[in-house]
Amino acid sequence: ASVNWRKSTRSTGGGNCVEVGFATSTVLVRDTKAREG
């Protein structure tokens, strides 16, 4: 919740995307369709 997540500008909206969030000292990656996964 405390991370600003973003999708790639190359995302086509088909649901096969990942999101990237930049935390203080870590880069986080999650599945757009399964954010809680």
Full PDB file with SEQRES, HELIX, SHEET, SSBOND, CRYST1, ORIGX, SCALE, CONECT and MASTER records, all heavy atoms in Angstrom:
SEQRES   1 A   37  ALA SER VAL ASN TRP ARG LYS SER THR ARG SER THR GLY          
SEQRES   2 A   37  GLY GLY ASN CYS VAL GLU VAL GLY PHE ALA THR SER THR          
SEQRES   3 A   37  VAL LEU VAL ARG ASP THR LYS ALA ARG GLU GLY                  
SHEET    1 AA1 3 TRP A   5  LYS A   7  0                                        
SHEET    2 AA1 3 VAL A  18  PHE A  22 -1                                        
SHEET    3 AA1 3 VAL A  27  ASP A  31 -1                                        
CRYST1    1.000    1.000    1.000  90.00  90.00  90.00 P 1           1          
ORIGX1      1.000000  0.000000  0.000000        0.00000                         
ORIGX2      0.000000  1.000000  0.000000        0.00000                         
ORIGX3      0.000000  0.000000  1.000000        0.00000                         
SCALE1      1.000000  0.000000  0.000000        0.00000                         
SCALE2      0.000000  1.000000  0.000000        0.00000                         
SCALE3      0.000000  0.000000  1.000000        0.00000                         
ATOM      1  N   ALA A   1       0.816  -1.211   0.000  1.00  0.00           N  
ATOM      2  CA  ALA A   1       0.000   0.000   0.000  1.00  0.00           C  
ATOM      3  C   ALA A   1       0.851   1.264   0.000  1.00  0.00           C  
ATOM      4  O   ALA A   1       0.435   2.287  -0.531  1.00  0.00           O  
ATOM      5  CB  ALA A   1      -0.931  -0.007   1.209  1.00  0.00           C  
ATOM      6  N   SER A   2       2.042   1.213   0.582  1.00  0.00           N  
ATOM      7  CA  SER A   2       2.874   2.409   0.689  1.00  0.00           C  
ATOM      8  C   SER A   2       3.763   2.630  -0.533  1.00  0.00           C  
ATOM      9  O   SER A   2       4.550   3.559  -0.559  1.00  0.00           O  
ATOM     10  CB  SER A   2       3.733   2.318   1.951  1.00  0.00           C  
ATOM     11  OG  SER A   2       4.632   1.236   1.841  1.00  0.00           O  
ATOM     12  N   VAL A   3       3.617   1.804  -1.549  1.00  0.00           N  
ATOM     13  CA  VAL A   3       4.443   1.889  -2.750  1.00  0.00           C  
ATOM     14  C   VAL A   3       3.612   2.447  -3.901  1.00  0.00           C  
ATOM     15  O   VAL A   3       2.448   2.093  -4.059  1.00  0.00           O  
ATOM     16  CB  VAL A   3       4.989   0.485  -3.123  1.00  0.00           C  
ATOM     17  CG1 VAL A   3       5.716   0.514  -4.448  1.00  0.00           C  
ATOM     18  CG2 VAL A   3       5.889  -0.043  -2.023  1.00  0.00           C  
ATOM     19  N   ASN A   4       4.203   3.325  -4.698  1.00  0.00           N  
ATOM     20  CA  ASN A   4       3.544   3.790  -5.920  1.00  0.00           C  
ATOM     21  C   ASN A   4       3.832   2.786  -7.016  1.00  0.00           C  
ATOM     22  O   ASN A   4       4.976   2.651  -7.455  1.00  0.00           O  
ATOM     23  CB  ASN A   4       4.062   5.176  -6.335  1.00  0.00           C  
ATOM     24  CG  ASN A   4       3.507   6.275  -5.483  1.00  0.00           C  
ATOM     25  OD1 ASN A   4       2.388   6.176  -5.000  1.00  0.00           O  
ATOM     26  ND2 ASN A   4       4.271   7.314  -5.285  1.00  0.00           N  
ATOM     27  N   TRP A   5       2.791   2.078  -7.448  1.00  0.00           N  
ATOM     28  CA  TRP A   5       2.922   1.050  -8.466  1.00  0.00           C  
ATOM     29  C   TRP A   5       2.679   1.646  -9.837  1.00  0.00           C  
ATOM     30  O   TRP A   5       1.881   2.565  -9.994  1.00  0.00           O  
ATOM     31  CB  TRP A   5       1.910  -0.068  -8.216  1.00  0.00           C  
ATOM     32  CG  TRP A   5       2.176  -0.804  -6.954  1.00  0.00           C  
ATOM     33  CD1 TRP A   5       1.636  -0.560  -5.729  1.00  0.00           C  
ATOM     34  CD2 TRP A   5       3.080  -1.892  -6.789  1.00  0.00           C  
ATOM     35  NE1 TRP A   5       2.137  -1.441  -4.807  1.00  0.00           N  
ATOM     36  CE2 TRP A   5       3.026  -2.268  -5.428  1.00  0.00           C  
ATOM     37  CE3 TRP A   5       3.913  -2.596  -7.650  1.00  0.00           C  
ATOM     38  CZ2 TRP A   5       3.779  -3.323  -4.916  1.00  0.00           C  
ATOM     39  CZ3 TRP A   5       4.661  -3.637  -7.143  1.00  0.00           C  
ATOM     40  CH2 TRP A   5       4.590  -3.996  -5.789  1.00  0.00           C  
ATOM     41  N   ARG A   6       3.357   1.082 -10.849  1.00  0.00           N  
ATOM     42  CA  ARG A   6       3.102   1.518 -12.222  1.00  0.00           C  
ATOM     43  C   ARG A   6       3.239   0.339 -13.170  1.00  0.00           C  
ATOM     44  O   ARG A   6       3.996  -0.591 -12.917  1.00  0.00           O  
ATOM     45  CB  ARG A   6       4.016   2.652 -12.627  1.00  0.00           C  
ATOM     46  CG  ARG A   6       5.468   2.293 -12.807  1.00  0.00           C  
ATOM     47  CD  ARG A   6       6.240   3.480 -13.355  1.00  0.00           C  
ATOM     48  NE  ARG A   6       7.484   3.122 -13.968  1.00  0.00           N  
ATOM     49  CZ  ARG A   6       7.651   2.608 -15.177  1.00  0.00           C  
ATOM     50  NH1 ARG A   6       6.615   2.335 -15.926  1.00  0.00           N  
ATOM     51  NH2 ARG A   6       8.841   2.347 -15.656  1.00  0.00           N  
ATOM     52  N   LYS A   7       2.480   0.409 -14.242  1.00  0.00           N  
ATOM     53  CA  LYS A   7       2.581  -0.585 -15.318  1.00  0.00           C  
ATOM     54  C   LYS A   7       3.464  -0.024 -16.411  1.00  0.00           C  
ATOM     55  O   LYS A   7       3.592   1.191 -16.568  1.00  0.00           O  
ATOM     56  CB  LYS A   7       1.202  -0.877 -15.912  1.00  0.00           C  
ATOM     57  CG  LYS A   7       0.370  -1.810 -15.095  1.00  0.00           C  
ATOM     58  CD  LYS A   7      -0.800  -2.308 -15.896  1.00  0.00           C  
ATOM     59  CE  LYS A   7      -2.043  -1.583 -15.507  1.00  0.00           C  
ATOM     60  NZ  LYS A   7      -3.228  -2.094 -16.178  1.00  0.00           N  
ATOM     61  N   SER A   8       4.010  -0.902 -17.197  1.00  0.00           N  
ATOM     62  CA  SER A   8       4.844  -0.493 -18.312  1.00  0.00           C  
ATOM     63  C   SER A   8       4.058   0.363 -19.288  1.00  0.00           C  
ATOM     64  O   SER A   8       2.872   0.123 -19.522  1.00  0.00           O  
ATOM     65  CB  SER A   8       5.370  -1.734 -19.044  1.00  0.00           C  
ATOM     66  OG  SER A   8       5.976  -1.360 -20.267  1.00  0.00           O  
ATOM     67  N   THR A   9       4.728   1.319 -19.876  1.00  0.00           N  
ATOM     68  CA  THR A   9       4.088   2.124 -20.926  1.00  0.00           C  
ATOM     69  C   THR A   9       3.844   1.284 -22.167  1.00  0.00           C  
ATOM     70  O   THR A   9       3.080   1.659 -23.038  1.00  0.00           O  
ATOM     71  CB  THR A   9       4.954   3.341 -21.297  1.00  0.00           C  
ATOM     72  OG1 THR A   9       6.255   2.883 -21.686  1.00  0.00           O  
ATOM     73  CG2 THR A   9       5.074   4.301 -20.126  1.00  0.00           C  
ATOM     74  N   ARG A  10       4.467   0.122 -22.249  1.00  0.00           N  
ATOM     75  CA  ARG A  10       4.272  -0.789 -23.373  1.00  0.00           C  
ATOM     76  C   ARG A  10       3.155  -1.801 -23.123  1.00  0.00           C  
ATOM     77  O   ARG A  10       2.898  -2.663 -23.947  1.00  0.00           O  
ATOM     78  CB  ARG A  10       5.572  -1.525 -23.685  1.00  0.00           C  
ATOM     79  CG  ARG A  10       6.648  -0.576 -24.154  1.00  0.00           C  
ATOM     80  CD  ARG A  10       7.910  -1.326 -24.479  1.00  0.00           C  
ATOM     81  NE  ARG A  10       8.966  -0.428 -24.840  1.00  0.00           N  
ATOM     82  CZ  ARG A  10       9.351  -0.191 -26.081  1.00  0.00           C  
ATOM     83  NH1 ARG A  10       8.747  -0.787 -27.086  1.00  0.00           N  
ATOM     84  NH2 ARG A  10      10.335   0.614 -26.339  1.00  0.00           N  
ATOM     85  N   SER A  11       2.502  -1.686 -21.994  1.00  0.00           N  
ATOM     86  CA  SER A  11       1.401  -2.591 -21.666  1.00  0.00           C  
ATOM     87  C   SER A  11       0.257  -2.393 -22.651  1.00  0.00           C  
ATOM     88  O   SER A  11      -0.133  -1.272 -22.954  1.00  0.00           O  
ATOM     89  CB  SER A  11       0.907  -2.300 -20.249  1.00  0.00           C  
ATOM     90  OG  SER A  11      -0.242  -3.037 -19.971  1.00  0.00           O  
ATOM     91  N   THR A  12      -0.280  -3.496 -23.140  1.00  0.00           N  
ATOM     92  CA  THR A  12      -1.354  -3.422 -24.128  1.00  0.00           C  
ATOM     93  C   THR A  12      -2.739  -3.520 -23.506  1.00  0.00           C  
ATOM     94  O   THR A  12      -3.734  -3.457 -24.203  1.00  0.00           O  
ATOM     95  CB  THR A  12      -1.217  -4.543 -25.171  1.00  0.00           C  
ATOM     96  OG1 THR A  12      -1.307  -5.804 -24.493  1.00  0.00           O  
ATOM     97  CG2 THR A  12       0.101  -4.439 -25.923  1.00  0.00           C  
ATOM     98  N   GLY A  13      -2.821  -3.714 -22.206  1.00  0.00           N  
ATOM     99  CA  GLY A  13      -4.108  -3.814 -21.557  1.00  0.00           C  
ATOM    100  C   GLY A  13      -4.743  -5.182 -21.662  1.00  0.00           C  
ATOM    101  O   GLY A  13      -5.885  -5.378 -21.283  1.00  0.00           O  
ATOM    102  N   GLY A  14      -4.003  -6.167 -22.167  1.00  0.00           N  
ATOM    103  CA  GLY A  14      -4.542  -7.510 -22.311  1.00  0.00           C  
ATOM    104  C   GLY A  14      -4.497  -8.335 -21.041  1.00  0.00           C  
ATOM    105  O   GLY A  14      -4.917  -9.481 -21.038  1.00  0.00           O  
ATOM    106  N   GLY A  15      -4.007  -7.768 -19.965  1.00  0.00           N  
ATOM    107  CA  GLY A  15      -3.967  -8.472 -18.698  1.00  0.00           C  
ATOM    108  C   GLY A  15      -2.705  -9.265 -18.448  1.00  0.00           C  
ATOM    109  O   GLY A  15      -2.558  -9.889 -17.405  1.00  0.00           O  
ATOM    110  N   ASN A  16      -1.778  -9.275 -19.386  1.00  0.00           N  
ATOM    111  CA  ASN A  16      -0.517  -9.998 -19.202  1.00  0.00           C  
ATOM    112  C   ASN A  16       0.581  -9.028 -18.807  1.00  0.00           C  
ATOM    113  O   ASN A  16       1.588  -8.896 -19.489  1.00  0.00           O  
ATOM    114  CB  ASN A  16      -0.133 -10.741 -20.491  1.00  0.00           C  
ATOM    115  CG  ASN A  16      -1.122 -11.819 -20.821  1.00  0.00           C  
ATOM    116  OD1 ASN A  16      -1.643 -12.475 -19.934  1.00  0.00           O  
ATOM    117  ND2 ASN A  16      -1.407 -11.995 -22.090  1.00  0.00           N  
ATOM    118  N   CYS A  17       0.360  -8.354 -17.716  1.00  0.00           N  
ATOM    119  CA  CYS A  17       1.277  -7.295 -17.311  1.00  0.00           C  
ATOM    120  C   CYS A  17       1.783  -7.526 -15.900  1.00  0.00           C  
ATOM    121  O   CYS A  17       1.172  -8.230 -15.107  1.00  0.00           O  
ATOM    122  CB  CYS A  17       0.568  -5.946 -17.324  1.00  0.00           C  
ATOM    123  SG  CYS A  17      -0.183  -5.532 -18.885  1.00  0.00           S  
ATOM    124  N   VAL A  18       2.892  -6.913 -15.617  1.00  0.00           N  
ATOM    125  CA  VAL A  18       3.374  -6.824 -14.253  1.00  0.00           C  
ATOM    126  C   VAL A  18       3.439  -5.350 -13.879  1.00  0.00           C  
ATOM    127  O   VAL A  18       3.465  -4.478 -14.742  1.00  0.00           O  
ATOM    128  CB  VAL A  18       4.763  -7.487 -14.065  1.00  0.00           C  
ATOM    129  CG1 VAL A  18       4.690  -8.980 -14.301  1.00  0.00           C  
ATOM    130  CG2 VAL A  18       5.809  -6.847 -14.937  1.00  0.00           C  
ATOM    131  N   GLU A  19       3.413  -5.102 -12.600  1.00  0.00           N  
ATOM    132  CA  GLU A  19       3.555  -3.747 -12.086  1.00  0.00           C  
ATOM    133  C   GLU A  19       4.849  -3.680 -11.296  1.00  0.00           C  
ATOM    134  O   GLU A  19       5.260  -4.653 -10.667  1.00  0.00           O  
ATOM    135  CB  GLU A  19       2.377  -3.397 -11.173  1.00  0.00           C  
ATOM    136  CG  GLU A  19       1.062  -3.369 -11.899  1.00  0.00           C  
ATOM    137  CD  GLU A  19      -0.121  -3.149 -10.991  1.00  0.00           C  
ATOM    138  OE1 GLU A  19      -0.110  -3.640  -9.848  1.00  0.00           O  
ATOM    139  OE2 GLU A  19      -1.058  -2.494 -11.428  1.00  0.00           O  
ATOM    140  N   VAL A  20       5.467  -2.525 -11.323  1.00  0.00           N  
ATOM    141  CA  VAL A  20       6.724  -2.305 -10.617  1.00  0.00           C  
ATOM    142  C   VAL A  20       6.510  -1.191  -9.613  1.00  0.00           C  
ATOM    143  O   VAL A  20       5.881  -0.178  -9.911  1.00  0.00           O  
ATOM    144  CB  VAL A  20       7.848  -1.922 -11.602  1.00  0.00           C  
ATOM    145  CG1 VAL A  20       9.138  -1.636 -10.863  1.00  0.00           C  
ATOM    146  CG2 VAL A  20       8.055  -3.005 -12.633  1.00  0.00           C  
ATOM    147  N   GLY A  21       7.023  -1.393  -8.420  1.00  0.00           N  
ATOM    148  CA  GLY A  21       6.957  -0.382  -7.376  1.00  0.00           C  
ATOM    149  C   GLY A  21       8.335  -0.160  -6.794  1.00  0.00           C  
ATOM    150  O   GLY A  21       9.097  -1.106  -6.578  1.00  0.00           O  
ATOM    151  N   PHE A  22       8.662   1.089  -6.567  1.00  0.00           N  
ATOM    152  CA  PHE A  22       9.976   1.423  -6.027  1.00  0.00           C  
ATOM    153  C   PHE A  22       9.823   1.839  -4.576  1.00  0.00           C  
ATOM    154  O   PHE A  22       9.197   2.844  -4.273  1.00  0.00           O  
ATOM    155  CB  PHE A  22      10.614   2.537  -6.856  1.00  0.00           C  
ATOM    156  CG  PHE A  22      10.867   2.120  -8.277  1.00  0.00           C  
ATOM    157  CD1 PHE A  22       9.935   2.362  -9.268  1.00  0.00           C  
ATOM    158  CD2 PHE A  22      12.027   1.451  -8.608  1.00  0.00           C  
ATOM    159  CE1 PHE A  22      10.149   1.954 -10.573  1.00  0.00           C  
ATOM    160  CE2 PHE A  22      12.263   1.040  -9.915  1.00  0.00           C  
ATOM    161  CZ  PHE A  22      11.320   1.302 -10.896  1.00  0.00           C  
ATOM    162  N   ALA A  23      10.377   1.025  -3.686  1.00  0.00           N  
ATOM    163  CA  ALA A  23      10.379   1.316  -2.260  1.00  0.00           C  
ATOM    164  C   ALA A  23      11.722   1.958  -1.910  1.00  0.00           C  
ATOM    165  O   ALA A  23      12.550   2.188  -2.783  1.00  0.00           O  
ATOM    166  CB  ALA A  23      10.152   0.038  -1.464  1.00  0.00           C  
ATOM    167  N   THR A  24      11.955   2.192  -0.646  1.00  0.00           N  
ATOM    168  CA  THR A  24      13.166   2.887  -0.213  1.00  0.00           C  
ATOM    169  C   THR A  24      14.442   2.227  -0.727  1.00  0.00           C  
ATOM    170  O   THR A  24      15.283   2.876  -1.320  1.00  0.00           O  
ATOM    171  CB  THR A  24      13.204   2.971   1.324  1.00  0.00           C  
ATOM    172  OG1 THR A  24      12.019   3.612   1.766  1.00  0.00           O  
ATOM    173  CG2 THR A  24      14.408   3.753   1.793  1.00  0.00           C  
ATOM    174  N   SER A  25      14.587   0.933  -0.518  1.00  0.00           N  
ATOM    175  CA  SER A  25      15.824   0.268  -0.941  1.00  0.00           C  
ATOM    176  C   SER A  25      15.536  -1.025  -1.698  1.00  0.00           C  
ATOM    177  O   SER A  25      16.395  -1.893  -1.796  1.00  0.00           O  
ATOM    178  CB  SER A  25      16.694  -0.041   0.283  1.00  0.00           C  
ATOM    179  OG  SER A  25      15.993  -0.901   1.156  1.00  0.00           O  
ATOM    180  N   THR A  26      14.319  -1.140  -2.246  1.00  0.00           N  
ATOM    181  CA  THR A  26      13.899  -2.361  -2.906  1.00  0.00           C  
ATOM    182  C   THR A  26      13.031  -2.031  -4.109  1.00  0.00           C  
ATOM    183  O   THR A  26      12.270  -1.062  -4.089  1.00  0.00           O  
ATOM    184  CB  THR A  26      13.070  -3.233  -1.938  1.00  0.00           C  
ATOM    185  OG1 THR A  26      13.808  -3.423  -0.743  1.00  0.00           O  
ATOM    186  CG2 THR A  26      12.717  -4.562  -2.529  1.00  0.00           C  
ATOM    187  N   VAL A  27      13.131  -2.828  -5.139  1.00  0.00           N  
ATOM    188  CA  VAL A  27      12.232  -2.747  -6.279  1.00  0.00           C  
ATOM    189  C   VAL A  27      11.309  -3.958  -6.189  1.00  0.00           C  
ATOM    190  O   VAL A  27      11.776  -5.094  -6.063  1.00  0.00           O  
ATOM    191  CB  VAL A  27      13.001  -2.748  -7.615  1.00  0.00           C  
ATOM    192  CG1 VAL A  27      12.030  -2.681  -8.784  1.00  0.00           C  
ATOM    193  CG2 VAL A  27      13.993  -1.595  -7.665  1.00  0.00           C  
ATOM    194  N   LEU A  28      10.008  -3.707  -6.210  1.00  0.00           N  
ATOM    195  CA  LEU A  28       9.017  -4.770  -6.077  1.00  0.00           C  
ATOM    196  C   LEU A  28       8.321  -4.995  -7.406  1.00  0.00           C  
ATOM    197  O   LEU A  28       8.036  -4.039  -8.133  1.00  0.00           O  
ATOM    198  CB  LEU A  28       7.990  -4.391  -5.009  1.00  0.00           C  
ATOM    199  CG  LEU A  28       8.558  -4.085  -3.627  1.00  0.00           C  
ATOM    200  CD1 LEU A  28       7.482  -3.478  -2.737  1.00  0.00           C  
ATOM    201  CD2 LEU A  28       9.127  -5.343  -3.007  1.00  0.00           C  
ATOM    202  N   VAL A  29       8.019  -6.248  -7.711  1.00  0.00           N  
ATOM    203  CA  VAL A  29       7.329  -6.604  -8.943  1.00  0.00           C  
ATOM    204  C   VAL A  29       6.159  -7.500  -8.563  1.00  0.00           C  
ATOM    205  O   VAL A  29       6.311  -8.418  -7.743  1.00  0.00           O  
ATOM    206  CB  VAL A  29       8.266  -7.354  -9.924  1.00  0.00           C  
ATOM    207  CG1 VAL A  29       7.542  -7.681 -11.218  1.00  0.00           C  
ATOM    208  CG2 VAL A  29       9.519  -6.534 -10.201  1.00  0.00           C  
ATOM    209  N   ARG A  30       4.978  -7.234  -9.141  1.00  0.00           N  
ATOM    210  CA  ARG A  30       3.806  -8.072  -8.882  1.00  0.00           C  
ATOM    211  C   ARG A  30       3.004  -8.250 -10.157  1.00  0.00           C  
ATOM    212  O   ARG A  30       3.107  -7.464 -11.098  1.00  0.00           O  
ATOM    213  CB  ARG A  30       2.930  -7.474  -7.781  1.00  0.00           C  
ATOM    214  CG  ARG A  30       2.237  -6.186  -8.180  1.00  0.00           C  
ATOM    215  CD  ARG A  30       1.405  -5.627  -7.055  1.00  0.00           C  
ATOM    216  NE  ARG A  30       0.749  -4.384  -7.480  1.00  0.00           N  
ATOM    217  CZ  ARG A  30       0.062  -3.604  -6.678  1.00  0.00           C  
ATOM    218  NH1 ARG A  30      -0.062  -3.913  -5.397  1.00  0.00           N  
ATOM    219  NH2 ARG A  30      -0.502  -2.505  -7.133  1.00  0.00           N  
ATOM    220  N   ASP A  31       2.190  -9.287 -10.176  1.00  0.00           N  
ATOM    221  CA  ASP A  31       1.302  -9.589 -11.292  1.00  0.00           C  
ATOM    222  C   ASP A  31       0.087  -8.667 -11.217  1.00  0.00           C  
ATOM    223  O   ASP A  31      -0.567  -8.581 -10.180  1.00  0.00           O  
ATOM    224  CB  ASP A  31       0.865 -11.051 -11.207  1.00  0.00           C  
ATOM    225  CG  ASP A  31       0.030 -11.521 -12.383  1.00  0.00           C  
ATOM    226  OD1 ASP A  31      -0.564 -10.684 -13.096  1.00  0.00           O  
ATOM    227  OD2 ASP A  31      -0.037 -12.742 -12.580  1.00  0.00           O  
ATOM    228  N   THR A  32      -0.235  -7.996 -12.307  1.00  0.00           N  
ATOM    229  CA  THR A  32      -1.364  -7.076 -12.328  1.00  0.00           C  
ATOM    230  C   THR A  32      -2.677  -7.788 -12.013  1.00  0.00           C  
ATOM    231  O   THR A  32      -3.531  -7.245 -11.332  1.00  0.00           O  
ATOM    232  CB  THR A  32      -1.461  -6.383 -13.708  1.00  0.00           C  
ATOM    233  OG1 THR A  32      -0.258  -5.663 -13.931  1.00  0.00           O  
ATOM    234  CG2 THR A  32      -2.625  -5.420 -13.778  1.00  0.00           C  
ATOM    235  N   LYS A  33      -2.841  -9.017 -12.500  1.00  0.00           N  
ATOM    236  CA  LYS A  33      -4.091  -9.752 -12.300  1.00  0.00           C  
ATOM    237  C   LYS A  33      -4.187 -10.383 -10.918  1.00  0.00           C  
ATOM    238  O   LYS A  33      -5.286 -10.713 -10.482  1.00  0.00           O  
ATOM    239  CB  LYS A  33      -4.248 -10.856 -13.353  1.00  0.00           C  
ATOM    240  CG  LYS A  33      -4.413 -10.335 -14.762  1.00  0.00           C  
ATOM    241  CD  LYS A  33      -4.631 -11.474 -15.731  1.00  0.00           C  
ATOM    242  CE  LYS A  33      -3.359 -12.286 -15.845  1.00  0.00           C  
ATOM    243  NZ  LYS A  33      -3.380 -13.322 -16.873  1.00  0.00           N  
ATOM    244  N   ALA A  34      -3.080 -10.571 -10.247  1.00  0.00           N  
ATOM    245  CA  ALA A  34      -3.080 -11.239  -8.940  1.00  0.00           C  
ATOM    246  C   ALA A  34      -2.237 -10.439  -7.959  1.00  0.00           C  
ATOM    247  O   ALA A  34      -1.216 -10.909  -7.455  1.00  0.00           O  
ATOM    248  CB  ALA A  34      -2.552 -12.659  -9.078  1.00  0.00           C  
ATOM    249  N   ARG A  35      -2.658  -9.244  -7.683  1.00  0.00           N  
ATOM    250  CA  ARG A  35      -1.872  -8.332  -6.851  1.00  0.00           C  
ATOM    251  C   ARG A  35      -1.621  -8.865  -5.452  1.00  0.00           C  
ATOM    252  O   ARG A  35      -0.637  -8.516  -4.824  1.00  0.00           O  
ATOM    253  CB  ARG A  35      -2.567  -6.973  -6.787  1.00  0.00           C  
ATOM    254  CG  ARG A  35      -2.531  -6.274  -8.120  1.00  0.00           C  
ATOM    255  CD  ARG A  35      -3.236  -4.942  -8.071  1.00  0.00           C  
ATOM    256  NE  ARG A  35      -3.048  -4.267  -9.338  1.00  0.00           N  
ATOM    257  CZ  ARG A  35      -3.969  -3.513  -9.899  1.00  0.00           C  
ATOM    258  NH1 ARG A  35      -5.129  -3.329  -9.306  1.00  0.00           N  
ATOM    259  NH2 ARG A  35      -3.733  -2.934 -11.059  1.00  0.00           N  
ATOM    260  N   GLU A  36      -2.520  -9.686  -4.945  1.00  0.00           N  
ATOM    261  CA  GLU A  36      -2.363 -10.254  -3.608  1.00  0.00           C  
ATOM    262  C   GLU A  36      -1.535 -11.537  -3.633  1.00  0.00           C  
ATOM    263  O   GLU A  36      -1.271 -12.130  -2.602  1.00  0.00           O  
ATOM    264  CB  GLU A  36      -3.735 -10.536  -3.000  1.00  0.00           C  
ATOM    265  CG  GLU A  36      -4.616  -9.304  -2.869  1.00  0.00           C  
ATOM    266  CD  GLU A  36      -4.046  -8.247  -1.943  1.00  0.00           C  
ATOM    267  OE1 GLU A  36      -3.370  -8.614  -0.951  1.00  0.00           O  
ATOM    268  OE2 GLU A  36      -4.258  -7.058  -2.191  1.00  0.00           O  
ATOM    269  N   GLY A  37      -1.147 -12.000  -4.817  1.00  0.00           N  
ATOM    270  CA  GLY A  37      -0.492 -13.290  -4.967  1.00  0.00           C  
ATOM    271  C   GLY A  37       0.956 -13.353  -4.564  1.00  0.00           C  
ATOM    272  O   GLY A  37       1.537 -14.424  -4.533  1.00  0.00           O  
TER     273      GLY A  37                                                      
MASTER        0    0    0    0    3    0    0    6  272    1    0    3          
END                                                                             
